[in-house]
């Protein structure tokens, strides 16, 4: 059946679809990760309303999932390199560049887990949701390795320049995100100390925006988005 679909679309059409969808999915993952890091690093970002930022973040993630699935489907249909179902679902099962394809398989599972848990954010414990959401950094790394080792466009100067710019933009935000996460215990200790001295912990938290965690900021943004949506209903 896959060969018949490929014959209808043309000998190279499916290969071009696989290449284009793969690069598009990677760019969308990069944009979603950068936006998430920026939102967590600077909660009081002025410009777009919080509800719009959250919707944009979710929209980029959903588009990334769509183009990732399109990439996988096009690879299975394309006759240039025959892929079995097990090749795209089990790491290192592919006979063609197994390490490179394994990175893509890991990225496929990670993007599905991140997207599904994002939709279930209100039903999951904050601690686990936050840890799972941080795996988007691993997702971006796995997708980048997959593209570098298996992509046929890696010799393209434009693609290489995009990879360099992506690294320059992502690494500083990721390092700052990890550094900020390590400072949270001391900030929490100061908050609890102030509460013991008679200050209200929530009032102290409101005076110190740096103490806010990423998951709390996203949840509050989601609540605000829901309130705005309800207010816009006739």
N, C-alpha and C. Protein backbone atom coordinates (compact mmCIF):
# COMPACT_ATOMS: atom_id res chain seq x y z
N UNK A 1 0.83 -1.21 0.00
CA UNK A 1 0.00 0.00 0.00
C UNK A 1 0.86 1.26 0.00
N UNK A 2 1.94 1.24 0.77
CA UNK A 2 2.81 2.40 0.82
C UNK A 2 3.45 2.68 -0.53
N UNK A 3 3.80 1.61 -1.27
CA UNK A 3 4.39 1.80 -2.59
C UNK A 3 3.38 2.39 -3.56
N UNK A 4 2.10 2.00 -3.43
CA UNK A 4 1.08 2.57 -4.31
C UNK A 4 0.87 4.04 -4.03
N UNK A 5 0.90 4.43 -2.75
CA UNK A 5 0.75 5.84 -2.41
C UNK A 5 1.93 6.63 -2.94
N UNK A 6 3.14 6.07 -2.82
CA UNK A 6 4.33 6.75 -3.32
C UNK A 6 4.29 6.90 -4.83
N UNK A 7 3.76 5.90 -5.53
CA UNK A 7 3.67 5.98 -6.99
C UNK A 7 2.67 7.03 -7.43
N UNK A 8 1.61 7.21 -6.66
CA UNK A 8 0.62 8.24 -7.00
C UNK A 8 1.19 9.63 -6.77
N UNK A 9 1.88 9.82 -5.66
CA UNK A 9 2.44 11.13 -5.34
C UNK A 9 3.64 11.49 -6.20
N UNK A 10 4.37 10.49 -6.66
CA UNK A 10 5.56 10.77 -7.45
C UNK A 10 6.78 10.14 -6.80
N UNK A 11 7.84 9.93 -7.59
CA UNK A 11 9.01 9.23 -7.06
C UNK A 11 9.77 9.99 -5.98
N UNK A 12 9.74 11.32 -6.02
CA UNK A 12 10.51 12.11 -5.05
C UNK A 12 9.63 12.95 -4.13
N UNK A 13 8.33 12.94 -4.36
CA UNK A 13 7.45 13.80 -3.57
C UNK A 13 7.47 13.44 -2.09
N UNK A 14 7.37 12.14 -1.80
CA UNK A 14 7.35 11.72 -0.40
C UNK A 14 8.68 12.04 0.29
N UNK A 15 9.77 11.95 -0.45
CA UNK A 15 11.08 12.27 0.14
C UNK A 15 11.17 13.75 0.47
N UNK A 16 10.65 14.61 -0.41
CA UNK A 16 10.65 16.05 -0.14
C UNK A 16 9.72 16.37 1.03
N UNK A 17 8.59 15.68 1.11
CA UNK A 17 7.68 15.89 2.24
C UNK A 17 8.36 15.49 3.55
N UNK A 18 9.08 14.38 3.54
CA UNK A 18 9.77 13.93 4.75
C UNK A 18 10.83 14.93 5.18
N UNK A 19 11.59 15.44 4.24
CA UNK A 19 12.64 16.41 4.57
C UNK A 19 12.03 17.72 5.08
N UNK A 20 11.03 18.22 4.36
CA UNK A 20 10.44 19.51 4.75
C UNK A 20 9.72 19.41 6.09
N UNK A 21 8.98 18.34 6.31
CA UNK A 21 8.26 18.19 7.58
C UNK A 21 9.22 18.00 8.74
N UNK A 22 10.32 17.30 8.51
CA UNK A 22 11.31 17.11 9.57
C UNK A 22 11.94 18.42 9.99
N UNK A 23 12.36 19.23 9.01
CA UNK A 23 12.96 20.53 9.33
C UNK A 23 11.94 21.46 9.97
N UNK A 24 10.70 21.42 9.49
CA UNK A 24 9.66 22.27 10.07
C UNK A 24 9.36 21.88 11.52
N UNK A 25 9.29 20.57 11.78
CA UNK A 25 9.05 20.10 13.14
C UNK A 25 10.18 20.55 14.07
N UNK A 26 11.42 20.46 13.60
CA UNK A 26 12.56 20.87 14.43
C UNK A 26 12.49 22.36 14.73
N UNK A 27 12.17 23.19 13.74
CA UNK A 27 12.06 24.63 13.95
C UNK A 27 10.94 24.96 14.93
N UNK A 28 9.83 24.24 14.85
CA UNK A 28 8.72 24.47 15.77
C UNK A 28 9.08 24.07 17.20
N UNK A 29 9.78 22.96 17.34
CA UNK A 29 10.23 22.55 18.68
C UNK A 29 11.18 23.59 19.25
N UNK A 30 12.09 24.08 18.41
CA UNK A 30 13.03 25.11 18.86
C UNK A 30 12.28 26.36 19.30
N UNK A 31 11.32 26.82 18.50
CA UNK A 31 10.56 28.02 18.85
C UNK A 31 9.77 27.82 20.13
N UNK A 32 9.16 26.64 20.30
CA UNK A 32 8.38 26.37 21.50
C UNK A 32 9.27 26.33 22.75
N UNK A 33 10.44 25.71 22.64
CA UNK A 33 11.36 25.63 23.77
C UNK A 33 11.87 27.02 24.14
N UNK A 34 12.25 27.81 23.13
CA UNK A 34 12.75 29.16 23.41
C UNK A 34 11.68 30.02 24.06
N UNK A 35 10.46 29.91 23.58
CA UNK A 35 9.38 30.69 24.18
C UNK A 35 9.12 30.25 25.62
N UNK A 36 9.14 28.93 25.86
CA UNK A 36 8.96 28.45 27.21
C UNK A 36 10.06 28.90 28.15
N UNK A 37 11.31 28.86 27.68
CA UNK A 37 12.43 29.32 28.50
C UNK A 37 12.34 30.81 28.78
N UNK A 38 11.93 31.56 27.78
CA UNK A 38 11.81 33.01 27.97
C UNK A 38 10.69 33.34 28.95
N UNK A 39 9.58 32.62 28.84
CA UNK A 39 8.47 32.86 29.76
C UNK A 39 8.86 32.52 31.20
N UNK A 40 9.63 31.44 31.38
CA UNK A 40 10.02 31.03 32.73
C UNK A 40 11.13 31.91 33.29
N UNK A 41 11.96 32.47 32.42
CA UNK A 41 13.07 33.30 32.88
C UNK A 41 12.64 34.72 33.18
N UNK A 42 11.58 35.18 32.53
CA UNK A 42 11.12 36.55 32.70
C UNK A 42 9.61 36.58 32.76
N UNK A 43 9.01 36.21 33.92
CA UNK A 43 7.55 36.12 34.01
C UNK A 43 6.82 37.41 33.70
N UNK A 44 7.42 38.57 33.96
CA UNK A 44 6.76 39.85 33.74
C UNK A 44 7.06 40.41 32.35
N UNK A 45 7.19 39.52 31.38
CA UNK A 45 7.45 39.91 30.00
C UNK A 45 6.32 40.81 29.49
N UNK A 46 6.68 42.01 29.07
CA UNK A 46 5.69 42.95 28.57
C UNK A 46 5.55 42.78 27.06
N UNK A 47 4.36 43.00 26.57
CA UNK A 47 4.10 42.83 25.15
C UNK A 47 2.78 42.13 24.96
N UNK A 48 2.85 40.87 24.55
CA UNK A 48 1.63 40.09 24.38
C UNK A 48 1.02 39.78 25.74
N UNK A 49 -0.31 39.76 25.84
CA UNK A 49 -0.96 39.36 27.10
C UNK A 49 -0.57 37.94 27.47
N UNK A 50 -0.61 37.60 28.77
CA UNK A 50 -0.23 36.25 29.20
C UNK A 50 -1.02 35.15 28.51
N UNK A 51 -2.31 35.38 28.29
CA UNK A 51 -3.13 34.36 27.64
C UNK A 51 -2.66 34.10 26.22
N UNK A 52 -2.25 35.16 25.51
CA UNK A 52 -1.76 35.00 24.15
C UNK A 52 -0.44 34.24 24.12
N UNK A 53 0.42 34.54 25.10
CA UNK A 53 1.71 33.85 25.14
C UNK A 53 1.51 32.36 25.38
N UNK A 54 0.60 32.03 26.29
CA UNK A 54 0.35 30.62 26.58
C UNK A 54 -0.28 29.93 25.37
N UNK A 55 -1.22 30.60 24.71
CA UNK A 55 -1.83 30.02 23.52
C UNK A 55 -0.80 29.81 22.41
N UNK A 56 0.10 30.77 22.25
CA UNK A 56 1.15 30.64 21.23
C UNK A 56 2.07 29.47 21.56
N UNK A 57 2.41 29.32 22.84
CA UNK A 57 3.25 28.21 23.27
C UNK A 57 2.58 26.87 22.98
N UNK A 58 1.31 26.77 23.29
CA UNK A 58 0.57 25.53 23.04
C UNK A 58 0.42 25.28 21.54
N UNK A 59 0.17 26.35 20.78
CA UNK A 59 -0.01 26.21 19.34
C UNK A 59 1.26 25.71 18.67
N UNK A 60 2.41 26.25 19.08
CA UNK A 60 3.68 25.78 18.52
C UNK A 60 3.92 24.32 18.84
N UNK A 61 3.58 23.91 20.06
CA UNK A 61 3.75 22.50 20.43
C UNK A 61 2.85 21.58 19.63
N UNK A 62 1.60 21.99 19.43
CA UNK A 62 0.68 21.17 18.65
C UNK A 62 1.12 21.06 17.20
N UNK A 63 1.59 22.16 16.62
CA UNK A 63 2.10 22.11 15.25
C UNK A 63 3.33 21.21 15.14
N UNK A 64 4.19 21.27 16.16
CA UNK A 64 5.38 20.41 16.14
C UNK A 64 5.00 18.94 16.15
N UNK A 65 3.98 18.58 16.92
CA UNK A 65 3.50 17.19 16.93
C UNK A 65 2.96 16.80 15.56
N UNK A 66 2.18 17.68 14.95
CA UNK A 66 1.61 17.38 13.63
C UNK A 66 2.70 17.12 12.59
N UNK A 67 3.68 18.01 12.51
CA UNK A 67 4.72 17.85 11.50
C UNK A 67 5.65 16.68 11.82
N UNK A 68 5.79 16.35 13.09
CA UNK A 68 6.57 15.16 13.44
C UNK A 68 5.88 13.89 12.95
N UNK A 69 4.58 13.79 13.18
CA UNK A 69 3.84 12.63 12.70
C UNK A 69 3.83 12.59 11.17
N UNK A 70 3.73 13.75 10.52
CA UNK A 70 3.79 13.79 9.06
C UNK A 70 5.16 13.32 8.57
N UNK A 71 6.21 13.70 9.28
CA UNK A 71 7.57 13.28 8.95
C UNK A 71 7.69 11.76 9.02
N UNK A 72 7.18 11.18 10.08
CA UNK A 72 7.25 9.72 10.24
C UNK A 72 6.44 9.01 9.16
N UNK A 73 5.23 9.52 8.90
CA UNK A 73 4.38 8.89 7.88
C UNK A 73 5.03 8.97 6.50
N UNK A 74 5.61 10.11 6.16
CA UNK A 74 6.26 10.26 4.85
C UNK A 74 7.45 9.33 4.71
N UNK A 75 8.20 9.13 5.79
CA UNK A 75 9.35 8.22 5.74
C UNK A 75 8.91 6.78 5.52
N UNK A 76 7.80 6.40 6.11
CA UNK A 76 7.32 5.03 5.94
C UNK A 76 6.76 4.79 4.54
N UNK A 77 6.25 5.85 3.92
CA UNK A 77 5.70 5.71 2.57
C UNK A 77 6.79 5.78 1.51
N UNK A 78 7.80 6.61 1.76
CA UNK A 78 8.83 6.83 0.76
C UNK A 78 9.61 5.54 0.48
N UNK A 79 9.80 5.18 -0.81
CA UNK A 79 10.51 3.94 -1.13
C UNK A 79 12.03 4.06 -1.14
N UNK A 80 12.56 5.27 -0.96
CA UNK A 80 14.02 5.43 -1.04
C UNK A 80 14.72 4.61 0.03
N UNK A 81 14.25 4.73 1.27
CA UNK A 81 14.79 3.94 2.38
C UNK A 81 13.61 3.25 3.05
N UNK A 82 13.46 1.95 2.88
CA UNK A 82 12.29 1.26 3.45
C UNK A 82 12.35 1.22 4.97
N UNK A 83 11.30 1.74 5.60
CA UNK A 83 11.19 1.72 7.06
C UNK A 83 10.00 0.86 7.45
N UNK A 84 10.22 -0.02 8.42
CA UNK A 84 9.14 -0.80 8.99
C UNK A 84 8.55 -0.05 10.18
N UNK A 85 7.39 -0.52 10.63
CA UNK A 85 6.76 0.10 11.79
C UNK A 85 7.67 0.01 13.01
N UNK A 86 8.32 -1.12 13.17
CA UNK A 86 9.21 -1.31 14.32
C UNK A 86 10.41 -0.36 14.24
N UNK A 87 10.80 0.02 13.03
CA UNK A 87 11.95 0.90 12.88
C UNK A 87 11.69 2.30 13.42
N UNK A 88 10.44 2.75 13.32
CA UNK A 88 10.11 4.10 13.76
C UNK A 88 9.52 4.13 15.17
N UNK A 89 9.38 2.96 15.79
CA UNK A 89 8.83 2.89 17.14
C UNK A 89 9.81 2.35 18.17
N UNK A 90 10.81 1.61 17.74
CA UNK A 90 11.77 1.00 18.67
C UNK A 90 13.16 1.56 18.38
N UNK A 91 13.82 2.17 19.36
CA UNK A 91 15.17 2.69 19.14
C UNK A 91 16.16 1.59 18.75
N UNK A 92 17.04 1.89 17.82
CA UNK A 92 18.10 1.01 17.35
C UNK A 92 17.58 -0.22 16.59
N UNK A 93 16.29 -0.22 16.23
CA UNK A 93 15.75 -1.35 15.46
C UNK A 93 16.00 -1.18 13.97
N UNK A 94 16.20 0.04 13.53
CA UNK A 94 16.41 0.30 12.10
C UNK A 94 17.80 -0.17 11.67
N UNK A 95 17.86 -0.74 10.50
CA UNK A 95 19.14 -1.18 9.94
C UNK A 95 19.87 -0.03 9.24
N UNK A 96 19.14 1.01 8.91
CA UNK A 96 19.74 2.18 8.26
C UNK A 96 20.05 3.24 9.31
N UNK A 97 21.34 3.49 9.57
CA UNK A 97 21.78 4.47 10.54
C UNK A 97 21.01 4.34 11.86
N UNK A 98 21.19 3.23 12.55
CA UNK A 98 20.38 2.96 13.76
C UNK A 98 20.52 4.02 14.85
N UNK A 99 21.73 4.56 15.03
CA UNK A 99 21.89 5.57 16.08
C UNK A 99 21.14 6.85 15.74
N UNK A 100 21.22 7.26 14.49
CA UNK A 100 20.52 8.47 14.08
C UNK A 100 19.01 8.30 14.19
N UNK A 101 18.49 7.17 13.75
CA UNK A 101 17.05 6.92 13.82
C UNK A 101 16.61 6.78 15.28
N UNK A 102 17.47 6.24 16.14
CA UNK A 102 17.13 6.12 17.56
C UNK A 102 16.88 7.49 18.17
N UNK A 103 17.69 8.48 17.79
CA UNK A 103 17.45 9.83 18.28
C UNK A 103 16.09 10.36 17.87
N UNK A 104 15.69 10.04 16.62
CA UNK A 104 14.36 10.45 16.17
C UNK A 104 13.25 9.74 16.91
N UNK A 105 13.43 8.45 17.19
CA UNK A 105 12.40 7.69 17.92
C UNK A 105 12.24 8.24 19.34
N UNK A 106 13.36 8.51 20.00
CA UNK A 106 13.31 9.09 21.35
C UNK A 106 12.62 10.45 21.32
N UNK A 107 12.96 11.25 20.31
CA UNK A 107 12.30 12.55 20.17
C UNK A 107 10.81 12.42 19.94
N UNK A 108 10.40 11.40 19.17
CA UNK A 108 8.97 11.17 18.92
C UNK A 108 8.23 10.90 20.22
N UNK A 109 8.76 10.03 21.06
CA UNK A 109 8.10 9.72 22.32
C UNK A 109 8.10 10.94 23.26
N UNK A 110 9.19 11.67 23.29
CA UNK A 110 9.27 12.82 24.19
C UNK A 110 8.28 13.91 23.80
N UNK A 111 8.16 14.16 22.50
CA UNK A 111 7.24 15.23 22.09
C UNK A 111 5.79 14.85 22.37
N UNK A 112 5.47 13.56 22.26
CA UNK A 112 4.12 13.11 22.60
C UNK A 112 3.86 13.22 24.10
N UNK A 113 4.85 12.84 24.90
CA UNK A 113 4.69 12.91 26.36
C UNK A 113 4.55 14.35 26.81
N UNK A 114 5.39 15.23 26.28
CA UNK A 114 5.33 16.64 26.68
C UNK A 114 4.00 17.26 26.28
N UNK A 115 3.52 16.96 25.08
CA UNK A 115 2.28 17.55 24.62
C UNK A 115 1.08 17.02 25.42
N UNK A 116 1.03 15.71 25.65
CA UNK A 116 -0.10 15.14 26.38
C UNK A 116 -0.13 15.65 27.83
N UNK A 117 1.01 15.68 28.49
CA UNK A 117 1.05 16.16 29.87
C UNK A 117 0.77 17.66 29.95
N UNK A 118 1.08 18.41 28.90
CA UNK A 118 0.73 19.83 28.88
C UNK A 118 -0.78 20.01 28.85
N UNK A 119 -1.45 19.16 28.10
CA UNK A 119 -2.91 19.23 28.06
C UNK A 119 -3.52 18.78 29.39
N UNK A 120 -2.81 17.93 30.13
CA UNK A 120 -3.30 17.42 31.41
C UNK A 120 -2.66 18.15 32.59
N UNK A 121 -2.18 19.36 32.37
CA UNK A 121 -1.42 20.09 33.38
C UNK A 121 -2.18 20.23 34.69
N UNK A 122 -3.47 20.53 34.62
CA UNK A 122 -4.25 20.76 35.83
C UNK A 122 -4.53 19.48 36.62
N UNK A 123 -4.39 18.33 35.99
CA UNK A 123 -4.70 17.07 36.63
C UNK A 123 -3.46 16.36 37.19
N UNK A 124 -2.29 16.89 36.92
CA UNK A 124 -1.05 16.25 37.36
C UNK A 124 -0.45 17.02 38.54
N UNK A 125 0.28 16.33 39.40
CA UNK A 125 1.00 17.05 40.47
C UNK A 125 2.01 18.02 39.87
N UNK A 126 2.16 19.16 40.49
CA UNK A 126 3.06 20.19 39.96
C UNK A 126 4.48 19.67 39.79
N UNK A 127 4.93 18.92 40.80
CA UNK A 127 6.31 18.44 40.77
C UNK A 127 6.57 17.57 39.57
N UNK A 128 5.66 16.62 39.29
CA UNK A 128 5.88 15.71 38.17
C UNK A 128 5.66 16.40 36.84
N UNK A 129 4.67 17.28 36.78
CA UNK A 129 4.45 18.01 35.53
C UNK A 129 5.66 18.86 35.17
N UNK A 130 6.23 19.51 36.16
CA UNK A 130 7.38 20.37 35.91
C UNK A 130 8.57 19.56 35.42
N UNK A 131 8.82 18.41 36.03
CA UNK A 131 9.94 17.57 35.61
C UNK A 131 9.74 17.06 34.18
N UNK A 132 8.52 16.64 33.88
CA UNK A 132 8.26 16.14 32.53
C UNK A 132 8.40 17.26 31.51
N UNK A 133 7.94 18.45 31.86
CA UNK A 133 8.00 19.57 30.92
C UNK A 133 9.44 19.97 30.63
N UNK A 134 10.33 19.83 31.59
CA UNK A 134 11.74 20.15 31.37
C UNK A 134 12.40 19.19 30.39
N UNK A 135 11.78 18.02 30.16
CA UNK A 135 12.34 17.08 29.19
C UNK A 135 12.26 17.60 27.76
N UNK A 136 11.58 18.74 27.56
CA UNK A 136 11.57 19.35 26.23
C UNK A 136 12.98 19.76 25.80
N UNK A 137 13.86 20.04 26.77
CA UNK A 137 15.26 20.32 26.43
C UNK A 137 15.94 19.08 25.87
N UNK A 138 15.65 17.92 26.47
CA UNK A 138 16.18 16.66 25.95
C UNK A 138 15.58 16.37 24.58
N UNK A 139 14.30 16.71 24.41
CA UNK A 139 13.64 16.53 23.11
C UNK A 139 14.36 17.33 22.03
N UNK A 140 14.67 18.58 22.31
CA UNK A 140 15.36 19.42 21.33
C UNK A 140 16.74 18.86 21.01
N UNK A 141 17.44 18.38 22.04
CA UNK A 141 18.77 17.79 21.81
C UNK A 141 18.67 16.52 20.96
N UNK A 142 17.69 15.66 21.26
CA UNK A 142 17.53 14.42 20.50
C UNK A 142 17.16 14.71 19.05
N UNK A 143 16.27 15.68 18.84
CA UNK A 143 15.89 16.03 17.47
C UNK A 143 17.07 16.62 16.70
N UNK A 144 17.90 17.40 17.39
CA UNK A 144 19.07 17.99 16.72
C UNK A 144 20.07 16.91 16.33
N UNK A 145 20.33 15.98 17.24
CA UNK A 145 21.25 14.87 16.93
C UNK A 145 20.69 14.03 15.78
N UNK A 146 19.40 13.79 15.81
CA UNK A 146 18.76 13.02 14.73
C UNK A 146 18.96 13.71 13.38
N UNK A 147 18.76 15.03 13.36
CA UNK A 147 18.93 15.75 12.11
C UNK A 147 20.37 15.79 11.64
N UNK A 148 21.30 15.95 12.57
CA UNK A 148 22.72 16.02 12.20
C UNK A 148 23.23 14.71 11.65
N UNK A 149 22.75 13.61 12.21
CA UNK A 149 23.29 12.30 11.83
C UNK A 149 22.55 11.65 10.66
N UNK A 150 21.30 12.05 10.43
CA UNK A 150 20.54 11.38 9.38
C UNK A 150 20.01 12.31 8.31
N UNK A 151 19.96 13.60 8.59
CA UNK A 151 19.39 14.54 7.63
C UNK A 151 20.28 14.73 6.41
N UNK A 152 19.69 14.80 5.25
CA UNK A 152 20.44 15.01 4.01
C UNK A 152 20.67 16.50 3.74
N UNK A 153 20.08 17.37 4.57
CA UNK A 153 20.25 18.81 4.37
C UNK A 153 21.32 19.40 5.28
N UNK A 154 22.05 18.55 6.00
CA UNK A 154 23.04 19.08 6.93
C UNK A 154 24.23 19.73 6.21
N UNK A 155 24.43 19.41 4.93
CA UNK A 155 25.49 20.07 4.18
C UNK A 155 25.08 21.44 3.67
N UNK A 156 23.81 21.78 3.85
CA UNK A 156 23.30 23.08 3.41
C UNK A 156 23.79 24.16 4.37
N UNK A 157 24.38 25.21 3.83
CA UNK A 157 24.94 26.28 4.67
C UNK A 157 23.85 26.97 5.49
N UNK A 158 22.68 27.16 4.90
CA UNK A 158 21.59 27.82 5.62
C UNK A 158 21.15 27.00 6.83
N UNK A 159 21.06 25.68 6.66
CA UNK A 159 20.67 24.82 7.77
C UNK A 159 21.73 24.85 8.87
N UNK A 160 22.99 24.82 8.49
CA UNK A 160 24.06 24.88 9.48
C UNK A 160 24.04 26.20 10.25
N UNK A 161 23.75 27.30 9.55
CA UNK A 161 23.67 28.60 10.22
C UNK A 161 22.52 28.63 11.21
N UNK A 162 21.40 28.02 10.84
CA UNK A 162 20.25 27.97 11.75
C UNK A 162 20.60 27.17 13.01
N UNK A 163 21.35 26.08 12.84
CA UNK A 163 21.76 25.27 14.00
C UNK A 163 22.66 26.07 14.94
N UNK A 164 23.57 26.85 14.37
CA UNK A 164 24.46 27.67 15.19
C UNK A 164 23.66 28.72 15.96
N UNK A 165 22.75 29.39 15.27
CA UNK A 165 21.93 30.41 15.93
C UNK A 165 21.06 29.77 17.01
N UNK A 166 20.54 28.58 16.74
CA UNK A 166 19.72 27.89 17.73
C UNK A 166 20.51 27.59 18.99
N UNK A 167 21.75 27.13 18.81
CA UNK A 167 22.58 26.86 19.98
C UNK A 167 22.90 28.11 20.77
N UNK A 168 23.19 29.20 20.07
CA UNK A 168 23.51 30.47 20.74
C UNK A 168 22.31 30.98 21.53
N UNK A 169 21.11 30.76 21.01
CA UNK A 169 19.92 31.25 21.69
C UNK A 169 19.48 30.34 22.83
N UNK A 170 19.61 29.03 22.63
CA UNK A 170 19.05 28.08 23.59
C UNK A 170 19.95 27.87 24.80
N UNK A 171 21.23 27.71 24.59
CA UNK A 171 22.14 27.36 25.69
C UNK A 171 22.12 28.40 26.81
N UNK A 172 22.24 29.71 26.54
CA UNK A 172 22.21 30.67 27.66
C UNK A 172 20.90 30.60 28.46
N UNK A 173 19.75 30.50 27.77
CA UNK A 173 18.48 30.41 28.48
C UNK A 173 18.42 29.14 29.32
N UNK A 174 18.90 28.02 28.75
CA UNK A 174 18.85 26.75 29.50
C UNK A 174 19.76 26.81 30.73
N UNK A 175 20.95 27.39 30.59
CA UNK A 175 21.87 27.51 31.72
C UNK A 175 21.25 28.39 32.80
N UNK A 176 20.65 29.50 32.39
CA UNK A 176 20.01 30.38 33.36
C UNK A 176 18.85 29.68 34.06
N UNK A 177 18.13 28.87 33.28
CA UNK A 177 16.98 28.13 33.85
C UNK A 177 17.45 27.15 34.92
N UNK A 178 18.55 26.43 34.67
CA UNK A 178 19.09 25.48 35.65
C UNK A 178 19.63 26.23 36.86
N UNK A 179 20.33 27.34 36.62
CA UNK A 179 20.89 28.13 37.73
C UNK A 179 19.78 28.68 38.61
N UNK A 180 18.70 29.13 37.98
CA UNK A 180 17.58 29.66 38.74
C UNK A 180 16.89 28.58 39.55
N UNK A 181 16.82 27.36 38.96
CA UNK A 181 16.19 26.26 39.69
C UNK A 181 17.00 25.89 40.93
N UNK A 182 18.32 25.98 40.86
CA UNK A 182 19.16 25.64 42.01
C UNK A 182 19.05 26.67 43.12
N UNK A 183 18.62 27.88 42.80
CA UNK A 183 18.49 28.92 43.81
C UNK A 183 17.17 28.84 44.57
N UNK A 184 16.26 28.01 44.08
CA UNK A 184 14.94 27.95 44.70
C UNK A 184 14.95 27.46 46.14
N UNK A 185 15.77 26.47 46.52
CA UNK A 185 15.74 26.04 47.93
C UNK A 185 16.06 27.16 48.90
N UNK A 186 17.08 27.99 48.56
CA UNK A 186 17.43 29.08 49.46
C UNK A 186 16.32 30.12 49.52
N UNK A 187 15.68 30.38 48.36
CA UNK A 187 14.57 31.33 48.34
C UNK A 187 13.39 30.80 49.16
N UNK A 188 13.12 29.49 49.03
CA UNK A 188 12.04 28.88 49.81
C UNK A 188 12.34 28.95 51.30
N UNK A 189 13.62 28.79 51.66
CA UNK A 189 14.00 28.87 53.07
C UNK A 189 13.78 30.28 53.62
N UNK A 190 14.10 31.30 52.79
CA UNK A 190 13.87 32.67 53.23
C UNK A 190 12.39 32.94 53.40
N UNK A 191 11.59 32.39 52.50
CA UNK A 191 10.14 32.59 52.60
C UNK A 191 9.58 31.95 53.85
N UNK A 192 10.01 30.70 54.15
CA UNK A 192 9.53 30.03 55.35
C UNK A 192 10.02 30.73 56.61
N UNK A 193 11.24 31.31 56.55
CA UNK A 193 11.74 32.05 57.70
C UNK A 193 10.93 33.31 57.96
N UNK A 194 10.56 33.99 56.87
CA UNK A 194 9.73 35.18 57.03
C UNK A 194 8.36 34.82 57.58
N UNK A 195 7.83 33.68 57.16
CA UNK A 195 6.53 33.24 57.67
C UNK A 195 6.61 32.94 59.15
N UNK A 196 7.72 32.32 59.58
CA UNK A 196 7.89 32.02 61.00
C UNK A 196 8.02 33.30 61.82
N UNK A 197 8.56 34.37 61.21
CA UNK A 197 8.72 35.63 61.92
C UNK A 197 7.44 36.44 61.98
N UNK A 198 6.40 35.95 61.30
CA UNK A 198 5.12 36.63 61.37
C UNK A 198 4.64 37.17 60.05
N UNK A 199 5.49 37.18 59.01
CA UNK A 199 5.06 37.67 57.70
C UNK A 199 4.25 36.60 57.00
N UNK A 200 3.32 37.02 56.17
CA UNK A 200 2.51 36.08 55.41
C UNK A 200 3.32 35.57 54.23
N UNK A 201 3.45 34.25 54.05
CA UNK A 201 4.29 33.73 52.97
C UNK A 201 3.81 34.16 51.59
N UNK A 202 2.51 34.24 51.38
CA UNK A 202 2.03 34.62 50.06
C UNK A 202 2.33 36.08 49.77
N UNK A 203 2.27 36.93 50.83
CA UNK A 203 2.61 38.33 50.64
C UNK A 203 4.08 38.48 50.30
N UNK A 204 4.94 37.70 50.96
CA UNK A 204 6.37 37.74 50.67
C UNK A 204 6.64 37.22 49.27
N UNK A 205 5.91 36.21 48.87
CA UNK A 205 6.08 35.66 47.52
C UNK A 205 5.68 36.69 46.48
N UNK A 206 4.62 37.47 46.78
CA UNK A 206 4.18 38.48 45.82
C UNK A 206 5.21 39.59 45.69
N UNK A 207 5.95 39.88 46.80
CA UNK A 207 6.97 40.91 46.72
C UNK A 207 8.22 40.44 46.02
N UNK A 208 8.42 39.13 45.89
CA UNK A 208 9.63 38.56 45.30
C UNK A 208 9.27 37.70 44.10
N UNK A 209 9.14 38.29 42.91
CA UNK A 209 8.75 37.51 41.73
C UNK A 209 9.76 36.44 41.38
N UNK A 210 11.01 36.60 41.76
CA UNK A 210 12.02 35.60 41.40
C UNK A 210 11.78 34.25 42.05
N UNK A 211 11.02 34.28 43.17
CA UNK A 211 10.76 33.03 43.88
C UNK A 211 9.74 32.17 43.14
N UNK A 212 8.98 32.78 42.25
CA UNK A 212 7.94 32.04 41.53
C UNK A 212 8.57 30.97 40.65
N UNK A 213 8.00 29.83 40.67
CA UNK A 213 8.46 28.73 39.83
C UNK A 213 7.78 28.79 38.48
N UNK A 214 8.37 28.11 37.52
CA UNK A 214 7.84 28.11 36.16
C UNK A 214 6.44 27.51 36.09
N UNK A 215 6.23 26.41 36.82
CA UNK A 215 4.93 25.76 36.74
C UNK A 215 3.84 26.63 37.36
N UNK A 216 4.15 27.36 38.44
CA UNK A 216 3.16 28.26 39.03
C UNK A 216 2.81 29.37 38.05
N UNK A 217 3.84 29.91 37.36
CA UNK A 217 3.59 30.98 36.40
C UNK A 217 2.70 30.50 35.25
N UNK A 218 2.97 29.31 34.74
CA UNK A 218 2.18 28.79 33.64
C UNK A 218 0.76 28.50 34.08
N UNK A 219 0.60 27.95 35.30
CA UNK A 219 -0.74 27.66 35.79
C UNK A 219 -1.55 28.95 35.97
N UNK A 220 -0.90 29.98 36.51
CA UNK A 220 -1.62 31.24 36.68
C UNK A 220 -1.98 31.83 35.32
N UNK A 221 -1.09 31.71 34.36
CA UNK A 221 -1.38 32.20 33.01
C UNK A 221 -2.54 31.43 32.41
N UNK A 222 -2.58 30.12 32.63
CA UNK A 222 -3.69 29.31 32.13
C UNK A 222 -5.01 29.72 32.77
N UNK A 223 -4.99 30.00 34.07
CA UNK A 223 -6.21 30.45 34.75
C UNK A 223 -6.68 31.78 34.18
N UNK A 224 -5.73 32.68 33.92
CA UNK A 224 -6.10 33.98 33.35
C UNK A 224 -6.66 33.82 31.95
N UNK A 225 -6.07 32.90 31.18
CA UNK A 225 -6.57 32.66 29.82
C UNK A 225 -8.00 32.12 29.86
N UNK A 226 -8.29 31.23 30.81
CA UNK A 226 -9.64 30.70 30.94
C UNK A 226 -10.63 31.79 31.35
N UNK A 227 -10.21 32.66 32.24
CA UNK A 227 -11.10 33.74 32.66
C UNK A 227 -11.40 34.70 31.52
N UNK A 228 -10.36 34.99 30.70
CA UNK A 228 -10.57 35.87 29.55
C UNK A 228 -11.48 35.21 28.53
N UNK A 229 -11.32 33.89 28.35
CA UNK A 229 -12.18 33.19 27.40
C UNK A 229 -13.63 33.17 27.86
N UNK A 230 -13.83 32.97 29.16
CA UNK A 230 -15.19 32.99 29.68
C UNK A 230 -15.81 34.38 29.59
N UNK A 231 -15.00 35.42 29.80
CA UNK A 231 -15.51 36.77 29.70
C UNK A 231 -15.86 37.18 28.29
N UNK A 232 -15.21 36.54 27.29
CA UNK A 232 -15.47 36.88 25.89
C UNK A 232 -16.71 36.18 25.36
N UNK A 233 -17.23 35.19 26.09
CA UNK A 233 -18.41 34.47 25.63
C UNK A 233 -19.66 35.36 25.74
N UNK A 234 -20.56 35.27 24.74
CA UNK A 234 -21.77 36.11 24.78
C UNK A 234 -22.73 35.65 25.87
